[in-house]
Protein backbone atom coordinates (compact mmCIF):
# COMPACT_ATOMS: atom_id res chain seq x y z
CA MET A 1 93.63 112.76 80.17
CA ILE A 2 95.96 110.10 78.84
CA ASN A 3 94.27 107.56 76.58
CA ALA A 4 95.78 104.27 77.69
CA SER A 5 95.09 101.11 75.74
CA SER A 6 93.20 98.25 77.31
CA ILE A 7 96.45 96.28 77.58
CA VAL A 8 98.14 99.06 79.56
CA ARG A 9 95.13 99.31 81.87
CA ARG A 10 94.91 95.53 82.34
CA GLU A 11 98.62 95.12 83.08
CA THR A 12 98.59 98.11 85.43
CA LYS A 13 95.69 96.54 87.34
CA TYR A 14 97.68 93.31 87.62
CA ILE A 15 100.74 95.20 88.90
CA ALA A 16 98.60 97.20 91.35
CA CYS A 17 96.89 94.08 92.75
CA PHE A 18 100.15 92.19 93.09
CA CYS A 19 101.84 95.17 94.75
CA VAL A 20 98.96 95.57 97.21
CA ILE A 21 99.30 91.89 98.17
CA LEU A 22 103.05 92.28 98.68
CA SER A 23 102.45 95.47 100.66
CA ILE A 24 100.03 93.69 102.97
CA LEU A 25 102.60 90.94 103.47
CA MET A 26 105.26 93.54 104.25
CA GLN A 27 102.94 95.20 106.78
CA MET A 28 102.39 91.81 108.39
CA VAL A 29 106.15 91.25 108.69
CA PHE A 30 106.56 94.60 110.42
CA ILE A 31 103.71 93.71 112.79
CA LEU A 32 105.17 90.25 113.42
CA PHE A 33 108.54 91.71 114.41
CA LYS A 34 106.82 94.45 116.45
CA LYS A 35 108.40 97.22 114.38
CA TRP A 36 105.14 98.57 112.96
CA ASP A 37 104.07 102.20 113.42
CA TYR A 38 102.25 104.69 111.23
CA THR A 39 105.45 105.52 109.30
CA VAL A 40 105.51 101.99 107.90
CA LEU A 41 102.05 102.50 106.44
CA THR A 42 102.80 105.97 105.06
CA GLY A 43 106.10 104.87 103.52
CA ASN A 44 104.42 101.85 101.99
CA LEU A 45 101.56 103.89 100.54
CA LEU A 46 103.95 106.50 99.13
CA SER A 47 106.07 103.95 97.32
CA LEU A 48 103.17 101.77 96.30
CA ALA A 49 101.39 104.66 94.60
CA SER A 50 104.53 105.92 92.89
CA SER A 51 105.56 102.42 91.73
CA VAL A 52 102.19 101.69 90.16
CA ALA A 53 102.09 105.17 88.59
CA ASN A 54 105.61 104.64 87.24
CA PHE A 55 104.52 101.37 85.61
CA TYR A 56 101.40 102.99 84.15
CA PHE A 57 103.36 105.87 82.66
CA MET A 58 105.90 103.43 81.24
CA GLY A 59 103.06 101.60 79.48
CA VAL A 60 101.61 104.82 78.13
CA SER A 61 105.08 105.87 76.95
CA VAL A 62 105.57 102.60 75.10
CA GLN A 63 102.13 103.02 73.54
CA LYS A 64 103.03 106.55 72.37
CA ALA A 65 106.48 105.43 71.14
CA LEU A 66 104.87 102.86 68.83
CA ASP A 67 103.40 105.74 66.79
CA ARG A 68 106.84 107.25 66.15
CA LYS A 69 109.75 106.48 63.85
CA THR A 70 112.51 104.25 65.25
CA ASP A 71 114.98 107.00 66.19
CA ASP A 72 112.25 109.23 67.55
CA ALA A 73 110.76 106.36 69.54
CA ARG A 74 114.12 105.47 71.09
CA LYS A 75 114.77 109.07 72.14
CA PHE A 76 111.23 109.43 73.46
CA MET A 77 111.57 106.26 75.57
CA GLN A 78 114.96 107.33 76.91
CA PHE A 79 113.54 110.71 77.91
CA SER A 80 110.49 109.05 79.48
CA GLN A 81 112.67 106.65 81.43
CA SER A 82 114.84 109.50 82.66
CA LEU A 83 111.80 111.43 83.89
CA ARG A 84 110.28 108.38 85.56
CA ASN A 85 113.59 107.47 87.23
CA ALA A 86 113.99 111.04 88.47
CA GLY A 87 110.47 110.91 89.90
CA MET A 88 111.16 107.65 91.70
CA PHE A 89 114.41 109.08 93.04
CA VAL A 90 112.55 112.09 94.45
CA VAL A 91 110.00 109.78 96.10
CA VAL A 92 112.74 107.72 97.72
CA VAL A 93 114.60 110.82 98.91
CA PHE A 94 111.42 112.22 100.47
CA GLY A 95 110.67 108.85 102.04
CA VAL A 96 114.14 108.57 103.54
CA VAL A 97 114.59 112.20 104.64
CA LEU A 98 111.18 113.02 106.07
CA PRO A 99 110.32 111.56 109.48
CA TYR A 100 106.79 110.64 108.38
CA PHE A 101 107.99 107.64 106.37
CA ASN A 102 109.80 104.46 107.38
CA THR A 103 112.89 104.04 105.20
CA ALA A 104 112.54 100.30 104.61
CA ALA A 105 108.82 100.58 103.96
CA THR A 106 109.55 103.32 101.43
CA VAL A 107 112.33 101.52 99.58
CA LEU A 108 111.01 97.94 99.43
CA PRO A 109 107.77 98.60 97.48
CA ILE A 110 109.83 100.14 94.69
CA PHE A 111 110.82 96.56 93.79
CA PHE A 112 107.33 95.04 94.00
CA PRO A 113 106.46 95.70 90.32
CA ARG A 114 109.62 93.86 89.26
CA ILE A 115 108.56 90.86 91.31
CA ALA A 116 105.09 91.03 89.78
CA ILE A 117 106.55 91.20 86.26
CA PHE A 118 108.83 88.25 87.01
CA LEU A 119 105.88 86.15 88.21
CA ARG A 120 103.47 87.27 85.46
CA PRO A 121 103.99 84.19 83.22
CA MET A 122 102.65 81.96 86.01
CA PHE A 123 99.34 83.83 86.03
CA LYS A 124 99.05 84.43 82.29
CA GLU A 125 98.50 80.75 81.52
CA ARG A 126 95.47 80.68 83.81
CA GLY A 127 93.93 83.73 82.16
CA VAL A 128 94.42 86.12 85.08
């Protein structure tokens, strides 16, 4: 088991909550435009889980890199980023190729953590 710091766990919970809210909004948009079917839900869940996991593993990687020397840490982070990007690529390819997943609902949640990170300063002042 990976020993994540309390900061990594707290920030991952924030990202997960924010991504769930955005996912619900996305589901509502699909319903509103009468384009919803089960593939929207499956694509959303696939990308939501992989996006939150990607963020968590990034946090754990940063935590582990802090215990290394500068050159080692940089190489470790580059390798970690390459692995995480490859994993996200595989998720998107599966989501696009397989008929069980809606393409848009698979691709859009990949960007939800970035939106959450962008909006984080608004919630940090309030202690959330």
